[in-house]
C-alpha atoms as a PDB file:
ATOM      1  CA  MET A   1       2.409  22.893  40.205  1.00  0.00           C
ATOM      2  CA  GLN A   2       4.372  20.789  37.746  1.00  0.00           C
ATOM      3  CA  ALA A   3       5.853  18.765  40.602  1.00  0.00           C
ATOM      4  CA  GLU A   4       2.357  18.123  42.010  1.00  0.00           C
ATOM      5  CA  ALA A   5       1.020  16.938  38.656  1.00  0.00           C
ATOM      6  CA  THR A   6       4.012  14.669  38.128  1.00  0.00           C
ATOM      7  CA  GLN A   7       3.771  13.240  41.654  1.00  0.00           C
ATOM      8  CA  ALA A   8       0.041  12.445  41.318  1.00  0.00           C
ATOM      9  CA  LYS A   9       0.677  10.735  37.988  1.00  0.00           C
ATOM     10  CA  SER A  10       3.581   8.720  39.413  1.00  0.00           C
ATOM     11  CA  GLN A  11       1.595   7.495  42.418  1.00  0.00           C
ATOM     12  CA  ALA A  12      -1.279   6.281  40.233  1.00  0.00           C
ATOM     13  CA  GLU A  13       0.992   4.543  37.746  1.00  0.00           C
ATOM     14  CA  GLN A  14       2.765   2.600  40.509  1.00  0.00           C
ATOM     15  CA  SER A  15      -0.475   0.952  41.626  1.00  0.00           C
ATOM     16  CA  PRO A  16      -0.496  -2.812  40.850  1.00  0.00           C
ATOM     17  CA  ILE A  17      -4.136  -2.722  39.740  1.00  0.00           C
ATOM     18  CA  PHE A  18      -3.368   0.222  37.438  1.00  0.00           C
ATOM     19  CA  LEU A  19      -0.497  -1.653  35.805  1.00  0.00           C
ATOM     20  CA  GLN A  20      -2.594  -4.803  35.495  1.00  0.00           C
ATOM     21  CA  ASN A  21      -5.538  -3.043  33.888  1.00  0.00           C
ATOM     22  CA  LYS A  22      -3.386  -0.903  31.612  1.00  0.00           C
ATOM     23  CA  LYS A  23      -2.126  -4.108  29.970  1.00  0.00           C
ATOM     24  CA  LEU A  24      -5.691  -4.767  28.813  1.00  0.00           C
ATOM     25  CA  LEU A  25      -5.791  -1.629  26.682  1.00  0.00           C
ATOM     26  CA  GLY A  26      -5.776  -2.032  22.945  1.00  0.00           C
ATOM     27  CA  LYS A  27      -5.129   0.153  19.942  1.00  0.00           C
ATOM     28  CA  ASN A  28      -6.500   3.709  20.241  1.00  0.00           C
ATOM     29  CA  GLU A  29      -7.076   3.344  23.993  1.00  0.00           C
ATOM     30  CA  TYR A  30      -5.237   5.674  26.365  1.00  0.00           C
ATOM     31  CA  VAL A  31      -5.004   6.521  30.049  1.00  0.00           C
ATOM     32  CA  VAL A  32      -4.574  10.085  31.285  1.00  0.00           C
ATOM     33  CA  PRO A  33      -4.446  11.633  34.784  1.00  0.00           C
ATOM     34  CA  ASP A  34      -7.814  12.503  36.309  1.00  0.00           C
ATOM     35  CA  ASN A  35      -7.241  16.245  36.090  1.00  0.00           C
ATOM     36  CA  VAL A  36      -6.525  15.971  32.347  1.00  0.00           C
ATOM     37  CA  LEU A  37      -9.900  14.357  31.669  1.00  0.00           C
ATOM     38  CA  MET A  38     -11.535  16.895  33.979  1.00  0.00           C
ATOM     39  CA  ALA A  39      -9.921  19.723  32.020  1.00  0.00           C
ATOM     40  CA  PHE A  40     -11.186  18.200  28.767  1.00  0.00           C
ATOM     41  CA  LYS A  41     -14.685  17.931  30.262  1.00  0.00           C
ATOM     42  CA  SER A  42     -14.655  21.582  31.317  1.00  0.00           C
ATOM     43  CA  VAL A  43     -13.700  22.664  27.788  1.00  0.00           C
ATOM     44  CA  VAL A  44     -15.996  20.547  25.613  1.00  0.00           C
ATOM     45  CA  ASP A  45     -18.749  18.998  27.719  1.00  0.00           C
ATOM     46  CA  THR A  46     -21.706  21.215  26.935  1.00  0.00           C
ATOM     47  CA  SER A  47     -23.972  18.323  25.903  1.00  0.00           C
ATOM     48  CA  GLY A  48     -23.401  15.761  28.641  1.00  0.00           C
ATOM     49  CA  LEU A  49     -20.759  13.726  26.796  1.00  0.00           C
ATOM     50  CA  LEU A  50     -19.126  12.703  30.070  1.00  0.00           C
ATOM     51  CA  GLY A  51     -22.239  12.567  32.224  1.00  0.00           C
ATOM     52  CA  LYS A  52     -22.369  14.155  35.669  1.00  0.00           C
ATOM     53  CA  GLN A  53     -19.478  12.292  37.268  1.00  0.00           C
ATOM     54  CA  THR A  54     -17.283  14.357  39.575  1.00  0.00           C
ATOM     55  CA  ILE A  55     -14.273  12.679  37.984  1.00  0.00           C
ATOM     56  CA  PRO A  56     -15.038  11.166  34.554  1.00  0.00           C
ATOM     57  CA  GLU A  57     -13.671   7.629  34.288  1.00  0.00           C
ATOM     58  CA  GLY A  58     -13.807   7.082  30.559  1.00  0.00           C
ATOM     59  CA  VAL A  59     -15.028   8.564  27.287  1.00  0.00           C
ATOM     60  CA  THR A  60     -15.454   7.308  23.743  1.00  0.00           C
ATOM     61  CA  LEU A  61     -14.558   9.994  21.211  1.00  0.00           C
ATOM     62  CA  HIS A  62     -16.839   9.731  18.190  1.00  0.00           C
ATOM     63  CA  ALA A  63     -15.667  13.086  16.859  1.00  0.00           C
ATOM     64  CA  ASN A  64     -12.918  15.661  17.274  1.00  0.00           C
ATOM     65  CA  PHE A  65     -14.572  17.596  20.077  1.00  0.00           C
ATOM     66  CA  LEU A  66     -11.680  20.045  20.318  1.00  0.00           C
ATOM     67  CA  GLU A  67     -12.379  21.269  16.782  1.00  0.00           C
ATOM     68  CA  SER A  68     -15.136  23.455  15.401  1.00  0.00           C
ATOM     69  CA  LYS A  69     -15.864  23.518  11.676  1.00  0.00           C
ATOM     70  CA  PHE A  70     -17.606  26.119   9.561  1.00  0.00           C
ATOM     71  CA  LEU A  71     -17.849  25.564   5.817  1.00  0.00           C
ATOM     72  CA  ARG A  72     -14.313  24.380   4.918  1.00  0.00           C
ATOM     73  CA  MET A  73     -12.583  26.067   7.822  1.00  0.00           C
ATOM     74  CA  THR A  74     -11.451  24.387  11.029  1.00  0.00           C
ATOM     75  CA  PHE A  75     -11.208  26.341  14.267  1.00  0.00           C
ATOM     76  CA  ARG A  76      -9.059  25.111  17.151  1.00  0.00           C
ATOM     77  CA  GLY A  77     -10.038  27.507  19.921  1.00  0.00           C
ATOM     78  CA  LYS A  78     -11.074  24.662  22.233  1.00  0.00           C
ATOM     79  CA  GLU A  79      -7.801  22.879  21.606  1.00  0.00           C
ATOM     80  CA  ARG A  80      -5.824  25.984  22.579  1.00  0.00           C
ATOM     81  CA  LYS A  81      -8.016  26.447  25.661  1.00  0.00           C
ATOM     82  CA  PHE A  82      -7.445  22.809  26.665  1.00  0.00           C
ATOM     83  CA  LEU A  83      -3.685  23.194  26.207  1.00  0.00           C
ATOM     84  CA  SER A  84      -3.710  26.340  28.327  1.00  0.00           C
ATOM     85  CA  LYS A  85      -5.647  24.612  31.132  1.00  0.00           C
ATOM     86  CA  LEU A  86      -3.170  21.715  31.180  1.00  0.00           C
ATOM     87  CA  LYS A  87      -0.203  24.072  31.456  1.00  0.00           C
ATOM     88  CA  LYS A  88      -1.909  25.866  34.351  1.00  0.00           C
ATOM     89  CA  LEU A  89      -2.279  22.461  36.031  1.00  0.00           C
ATOM     90  CA  GLY A  90       1.503  22.143  35.966  1.00  0.00           C
ATOM     91  CA  TYR A  91       2.142  20.079  32.844  1.00  0.00           C
ATOM     92  CA  SER A  92       5.079  21.052  30.672  1.00  0.00           C
ATOM     93  CA  GLN A  93       4.494  22.180  27.094  1.00  0.00           C
ATOM     94  CA  GLN A  94       5.551  18.743  25.852  1.00  0.00           C
ATOM     95  CA  GLU A  95       3.332  16.854  28.328  1.00  0.00           C
ATOM     96  CA  ALA A  96       0.352  19.099  27.612  1.00  0.00           C
ATOM     97  CA  GLU A  97       0.738  18.700  23.837  1.00  0.00           C
ATOM     98  CA  HIS A  98       0.954  14.919  24.256  1.00  0.00           C
ATOM     99  CA  HIS A  99      -2.281  14.814  26.257  1.00  0.00           C
ATOM    100  CA  VAL A 100      -4.046  17.027  23.737  1.00  0.00           C
ATOM    101  CA  SER A 101      -2.895  14.787  20.882  1.00  0.00           C
ATOM    102  CA  VAL A 102      -4.790  11.710  22.134  1.00  0.00           C
ATOM    103  CA  PHE A 103      -8.169  13.458  22.328  1.00  0.00           C
ATOM    104  CA  VAL A 104      -9.117  12.784  18.707  1.00  0.00           C
ATOM    105  CA  ALA A 105     -11.950  10.905  17.011  1.00  0.00           C
ATOM    106  CA  GLY A 106     -11.668   7.130  17.217  1.00  0.00           C
ATOM    107  CA  ASN A 107      -9.865   7.031  20.556  1.00  0.00           C
ATOM    108  CA  ILE A 108     -11.105   5.874  23.947  1.00  0.00           C
ATOM    109  CA  ILE A 109      -9.725   7.736  26.948  1.00  0.00           C
ATOM    110  CA  PHE A 110      -9.692   6.488  30.554  1.00  0.00           C
ATOM    111  CA  SER A 111      -8.739   8.416  33.664  1.00  0.00           C
ATOM    112  CA  HIS A 112      -6.286   7.016  36.210  1.00  0.00           C
ATOM    113  CA  SER A 113      -9.082   6.522  38.755  1.00  0.00           C
ATOM    114  CA  GLY A 114     -11.253   4.789  36.149  1.00  0.00           C
ATOM    115  CA  THR A 115      -8.395   2.437  35.285  1.00  0.00           C
ATOM    116  CA  MET A 116      -8.003   1.516  38.951  1.00  0.00           C
ATOM    117  CA  ALA A 117     -11.731   0.916  39.493  1.00  0.00           C
ATOM    118  CA  PRO A 118     -12.676  -2.604  40.684  1.00  0.00           C
ATOM    119  CA  ASP A 119     -15.083  -2.979  37.754  1.00  0.00           C
ATOM    120  CA  PHE A 120     -12.670  -1.661  35.111  1.00  0.00           C
ATOM    121  CA  GLU A 121     -12.901  -4.690  32.796  1.00  0.00           C
ATOM    122  CA  LEU A 122     -16.675  -4.736  32.461  1.00  0.00           C
ATOM    123  CA  GLY A 123     -17.749  -1.355  33.745  1.00  0.00           C
ATOM    124  CA  LYS A 124     -15.195   0.792  31.927  1.00  0.00           C
ATOM    125  CA  LEU A 125     -13.204  -1.043  29.244  1.00  0.00           C
ATOM    126  CA  ALA A 126     -15.928  -3.294  27.807  1.00  0.00           C
ATOM    127  CA  HIS A 127     -18.484  -0.516  28.268  1.00  0.00           C
ATOM    128  CA  GLU A 128     -16.561   2.060  26.226  1.00  0.00           C
ATOM    129  CA  ARG A 129     -15.515  -0.469  23.588  1.00  0.00           C
ATOM    130  CA  LEU A 130     -19.152  -1.400  23.039  1.00  0.00           C
ATOM    131  CA  HIS A 131     -20.038   2.266  22.570  1.00  0.00           C
ATOM    132  CA  MET A 132     -17.297   2.534  19.936  1.00  0.00           C
ATOM    133  CA  ARG A 133     -18.234  -0.724  18.154  1.00  0.00           C
ATOM    134  CA  ILE A 134     -21.891   0.284  17.956  1.00  0.00           C
ATOM    135  CA  HIS A 135     -20.929   3.719  16.628  1.00  0.00           C
ATOM    136  CA  ASN A 136     -18.755   2.112  13.939  1.00  0.00           C
ATOM    137  CA  LEU A 137     -21.388  -0.369  12.745  1.00  0.00           C
ATOM    138  CA  PRO A 138     -22.682  -0.041   9.183  1.00  0.00           C
ATOM    139  CA  LYS A 139     -25.875   2.014   9.209  1.00  0.00           C
ATOM    140  CA  GLU A 140     -28.070  -0.972   8.347  1.00  0.00           C
ATOM    141  CA  GLN A 141     -26.773  -3.028  11.268  1.00  0.00           C
ATOM    142  CA  ALA A 142     -26.985  -0.083  13.660  1.00  0.00           C
ATOM    143  CA  ASN A 143     -30.625   0.400  12.698  1.00  0.00           C
ATOM    144  CA  VAL A 144     -31.394  -3.263  13.327  1.00  0.00           C
ATOM    145  CA  LEU A 145     -29.539  -3.221  16.638  1.00  0.00           C
ATOM    146  CA  ASN A 146     -31.385  -0.177  17.907  1.00  0.00           C
ATOM    147  CA  GLU A 147     -34.778  -1.421  16.751  1.00  0.00           C
ATOM    148  CA  ALA A 148     -35.166  -3.496  19.920  1.00  0.00           C
ATOM    149  CA  ARG A 149     -34.057  -0.685  22.210  1.00  0.00           C
ATOM    150  CA  ASP A 150     -36.357   1.908  20.647  1.00  0.00           C
ATOM    151  CA  ALA A 151     -39.345  -0.454  20.563  1.00  0.00           C
ATOM    152  CA  ILE A 152     -38.912  -1.433  24.213  1.00  0.00           C
ATOM    153  CA  LEU A 153     -38.599   2.167  25.397  1.00  0.00           C
ATOM    154  CA  ALA A 154     -41.603   3.220  23.292  1.00  0.00           C
ATOM    155  CA  ALA A 155     -43.748   0.330  24.587  1.00  0.00           C
ATOM    156  CA  ASP A 156     -42.789   1.121  28.165  1.00  0.00           C
ATOM    157  CA  SER A 157     -43.588   4.791  27.622  1.00  0.00           C
ATOM    158  CA  ARG A 158     -47.090   3.947  26.385  1.00  0.00           C
ATOM    159  CA  MET A 159     -47.592   1.514  29.266  1.00  0.00           C
ATOM    160  CA  LEU A 160     -46.422   4.060  31.807  1.00  0.00           C
ATOM    161  CA  GLU A 161     -48.780   6.686  30.391  1.00  0.00           C
ATOM    162  CA  LYS A 162     -51.704   4.255  30.593  1.00  0.00           C
ATOM    163  CA  GLN A 163     -50.765   3.238  34.121  1.00  0.00           C
ATOM    164  CA  THR A 164     -50.468   6.878  35.198  1.00  0.00           C
ATOM    165  CA  ASP A 165     -53.926   7.680  33.807  1.00  0.00           C
ATOM    166  CA  GLU A 166     -55.525   4.706  35.570  1.00  0.00           C
ATOM    167  CA  ILE A 167     -53.794   5.452  38.879  1.00  0.00           C
ATOM    168  CA  GLY A 168     -55.041   9.010  38.523  1.00  0.00           C
ATOM    169  CA  LEU A 169     -58.620   7.696  38.381  1.00  0.00           C
ATOM    170  CA  VAL A 170     -58.013   5.599  41.505  1.00  0.00           C
ATOM    171  CA  LEU A 171     -56.706   8.628  43.384  1.00  0.00           C
ATOM    172  CA  LYS A 172     -59.726  10.630  42.261  1.00  0.00           C
ATOM    173  CA  LYS A 173     -62.076   7.938  43.600  1.00  0.00           C
ATOM    174  CA  GLU A 174     -60.171   7.910  46.890  1.00  0.00           C
ATOM    175  CA  LYS A 175     -60.482  11.690  47.149  1.00  0.00           C
ATOM    176  CA  ASN A 176     -64.224  11.508  46.432  1.00  0.00           C
ATOM    177  CA  GLY A 177     -64.703   8.851  49.098  1.00  0.00           C
ATOM    178  CA  GLU A 178     -65.568   6.070  46.643  1.00  0.00           C
ATOM    179  CA  LEU A 179     -62.532   4.079  47.835  1.00  0.00           C
ATOM    180  CA  THR A 180     -60.858   3.834  51.219  1.00  0.00           C
ATOM    181  CA  ALA A 181     -57.137   4.485  51.489  1.00  0.00           C
ATOM    182  CA  TRP A 182     -56.523   0.735  51.747  1.00  0.00           C
ATOM    183  CA  GLN A 183     -58.701  -0.042  48.726  1.00  0.00           C
ATOM    184  CA  ALA A 184     -56.904   2.615  46.713  1.00  0.00           C
ATOM    185  CA  TYR A 185     -53.543   1.145  47.751  1.00  0.00           C
ATOM    186  CA  GLU A 186     -54.635  -2.324  46.601  1.00  0.00           C
ATOM    187  CA  GLU A 187     -55.946  -0.965  43.290  1.00  0.00           C
ATOM    188  CA  LYS A 188     -52.672   0.822  42.581  1.00  0.00           C
ATOM    189  CA  ASN A 189     -50.727  -2.387  43.277  1.00  0.00           C
ATOM    190  CA  LYS A 190     -52.986  -4.333  40.913  1.00  0.00           C
ATOM    191  CA  LEU A 191     -52.446  -1.757  38.182  1.00  0.00           C
ATOM    192  CA  SER A 192     -48.665  -1.955  38.607  1.00  0.00           C
ATOM    193  CA  GLU A 193     -48.787  -5.750  38.329  1.00  0.00           C
ATOM    194  CA  SER A 194     -51.100  -5.697  35.314  1.00  0.00           C
ATOM    195  CA  HIS A 195     -48.895  -3.217  33.427  1.00  0.00           C
ATOM    196  CA  PRO A 196     -45.345  -4.536  33.891  1.00  0.00           C
ATOM    197  CA  MET A 197     -42.464  -2.632  32.310  1.00  0.00           C
ATOM    198  CA  ILE A 198     -40.095  -4.462  29.962  1.00  0.00           C
ATOM    199  CA  LEU A 199     -37.086  -2.382  30.992  1.00  0.00           C
ATOM    200  CA  LYS A 200     -36.038  -3.321  34.511  1.00  0.00           C
ATOM    201  CA  GLU A 201     -32.777  -2.799  36.313  1.00  0.00           C
ATOM    202  CA  ASN A 202     -30.909  -5.567  38.089  1.00  0.00           C
ATOM    203  CA  SER A 203     -31.671  -4.973  41.763  1.00  0.00           C
ATOM    204  CA  LYS A 204     -28.537  -6.935  42.701  1.00  0.00           C
ATOM    205  CA  THR A 205     -26.251  -4.394  41.041  1.00  0.00           C
ATOM    206  CA  SER A 206     -28.127  -1.201  41.901  1.00  0.00           C
ATOM    207  CA  SER A 207     -27.342   0.676  45.097  1.00  0.00           C
ATOM    208  CA  ILE A 208     -29.817   3.443  44.183  1.00  0.00           C
ATOM    209  CA  PRO A 209     -33.191   1.905  43.196  1.00  0.00           C
ATOM    210  CA  GLY A 210     -34.348   3.132  39.809  1.00  0.00           C
ATOM    211  CA  PHE A 211     -31.081   4.863  38.880  1.00  0.00           C
ATOM    212  CA  PHE A 212     -29.937   2.515  36.087  1.00  0.00           C
ATOM    213  CA  GLU A 213     -33.438   2.295  34.650  1.00  0.00           C
ATOM    214  CA  MET A 214     -33.864   6.060  34.618  1.00  0.00           C
ATOM    215  CA  THR A 215     -30.409   6.491  33.051  1.00  0.00           C
ATOM    216  CA  VAL A 216     -31.351   4.261  30.116  1.00  0.00           C
ATOM    217  CA  ARG A 217     -34.677   6.046  29.661  1.00  0.00           C
ATOM    218  CA  THR A 218     -32.936   9.431  29.504  1.00  0.00           C
ATOM    219  CA  ARG A 219     -29.796   8.197  27.707  1.00  0.00           C
ATOM    220  CA  PRO A 220     -30.895   5.319  25.418  1.00  0.00           C
ATOM    221  CA  ILE A 221     -27.313   4.858  24.176  1.00  0.00           C
ATOM    222  CA  GLU A 222     -26.643   3.114  27.504  1.00  0.00           C
ATOM    223  CA  PHE A 223     -29.184   0.343  26.817  1.00  0.00           C
ATOM    224  CA  TYR A 224     -26.723  -2.206  25.440  1.00  0.00           C
ATOM    225  CA  THR A 225     -23.778  -1.129  27.588  1.00  0.00           C
ATOM    226  CA  TYR A 226     -25.875  -1.555  30.740  1.00  0.00           C
ATOM    227  CA  MET A 227     -27.056  -4.926  29.468  1.00  0.00           C
ATOM    228  CA  LEU A 228     -23.423  -5.935  28.993  1.00  0.00           C
ATOM    229  CA  MET A 229     -22.517  -4.774  32.498  1.00  0.00           C
ATOM    230  CA  GLY A 230     -25.389  -6.650  34.130  1.00  0.00           C
ATOM    231  CA  ARG A 231     -27.088  -3.459  35.263  1.00  0.00           C
ATOM    232  CA  LEU A 232     -30.320  -4.479  33.567  1.00  0.00           C
ATOM    233  CA  ASP A 233     -32.384  -7.403  34.758  1.00  0.00           C
ATOM    234  CA  PRO A 234     -31.608 -10.659  32.865  1.00  0.00           C
ATOM    235  CA  SER A 235     -35.239 -10.666  31.682  1.00  0.00           C
ATOM    236  CA  VAL A 236     -34.460  -7.659  29.465  1.00  0.00           C
ATOM    237  CA  GLU A 237     -31.751  -9.523  27.559  1.00  0.00           C
ATOM    238  CA  GLN A 238     -34.026 -12.555  27.276  1.00  0.00           C
ATOM    239  CA  TYR A 239     -36.793 -10.365  25.895  1.00  0.00           C
ATOM    240  CA  VAL A 240     -34.497  -8.934  23.223  1.00  0.00           C
ATOM    241  CA  LYS A 241     -33.276 -12.437  22.363  1.00  0.00           C
ATOM    242  CA  GLU A 242     -36.808 -13.793  21.942  1.00  0.00           C
ATOM    243  CA  HIS A 243     -38.538 -10.847  20.276  1.00  0.00           C
ATOM    244  CA  TYR A 244     -35.669  -9.258  18.335  1.00  0.00           C
ATOM    245  CA  PRO A 245     -33.308 -12.099  17.371  1.00  0.00           C
ATOM    246  CA  LYS A 246     -31.529 -10.082  14.662  1.00  0.00           C
ATOM    247  CA  SER A 247     -30.826  -7.236  17.077  1.00  0.00           C
ATOM    248  CA  TYR A 248     -29.668  -9.674  19.721  1.00  0.00           C
ATOM    249  CA  ALA A 249     -27.363 -11.484  17.287  1.00  0.00           C
ATOM    250  CA  ILE A 250     -25.533  -8.234  16.501  1.00  0.00           C
ATOM    251  CA  TYR A 251     -25.237  -7.324  20.187  1.00  0.00           C
ATOM    252  CA  ASP A 252     -24.089 -10.802  21.181  1.00  0.00           C
ATOM    253  CA  SER A 253     -21.443 -10.821  18.451  1.00  0.00           C
ATOM    254  CA  LEU A 254     -20.055  -7.482  19.626  1.00  0.00           C
ATOM    255  CA  ARG A 255     -20.093  -8.534  23.268  1.00  0.00           C
ATOM    256  CA  SER A 256     -18.402 -11.882  22.588  1.00  0.00           C
ATOM    257  CA  SER A 257     -15.688 -10.201  20.528  1.00  0.00           C
ATOM    258  CA  ILE A 258     -14.979  -7.614  23.218  1.00  0.00           C
ATOM    259  CA  MET A 259     -14.858 -10.116  26.072  1.00  0.00           C
ATOM    260  CA  SER A 260     -12.615 -12.464  24.052  1.00  0.00           C
ATOM    261  CA  GLU A 261     -10.196  -9.594  23.401  1.00  0.00           C
ATOM    262  CA  ILE A 262     -10.000  -8.844  27.130  1.00  0.00           C
ATOM    263  CA  GLU A 263      -9.375 -12.486  27.999  1.00  0.00           C
ATOM    264  CA  GLU A 264      -6.641 -12.737  25.390  1.00  0.00           C
ATOM    265  CA  ALA A 265      -4.982  -9.582  26.718  1.00  0.00           C
ATOM    266  CA  LYS A 266      -4.884 -11.103  30.190  1.00  0.00           C
ATOM    267  CA  LYS A 267      -2.763 -13.982  28.902  1.00  0.00           C
ATOM    268  CA  LYS A 268      -0.014 -11.714  27.586  1.00  0.00           C
END
């Protein structure tokens, strides 16, 4: 088992794209084998921290998820369970303890497969850094930043509810024979056009129509990261810029800083 774990790690770390992307990592950013991140997910992910990916590609640690606190006491049952899982995977005591040591608050962890992904720079590295920067913002700035996101999602929710009610009336008229199937179809199209949603995904980057949009609606924390990655339609960013200039200024500053850091790392 230990030989298998070591071999898998060695093969990944010899990949040119892995070595290239690893150079882009900054302070408090680490890469671990896929099965290490999977083991971590199995121990702590009871609230969807790592999403539903078969192999998680990256995670921003806002807290010490391997610890549990009660009053002034700290319990490390999850940490011991994680260590045990790593040893069963074939890692030595020293290797397992090293992996456990990087899973602490303030760190960003990437898997080997995530580090070798074609979209690592924007889709993984910049994405997770933005999550961390937003989390670390002063409360006042975080509130301003999220004002645009929350307002857009709330407005879309109201619009969707109104649209659903009106389409329901059209369907009722069709059922009662007041409208033909074609007339009902035309009415539904008119309603969709008259009640446009603000949040739209970028159809050029989506292989599953509606997936990115639905992800943001169910996980609002992805609003700005998806904007950064180009997964949202450019009209969404323009809307934020025009209607929420203070929110946009904070986002743009964070994005510019992150992208500049990546470009500088490439030169080293």
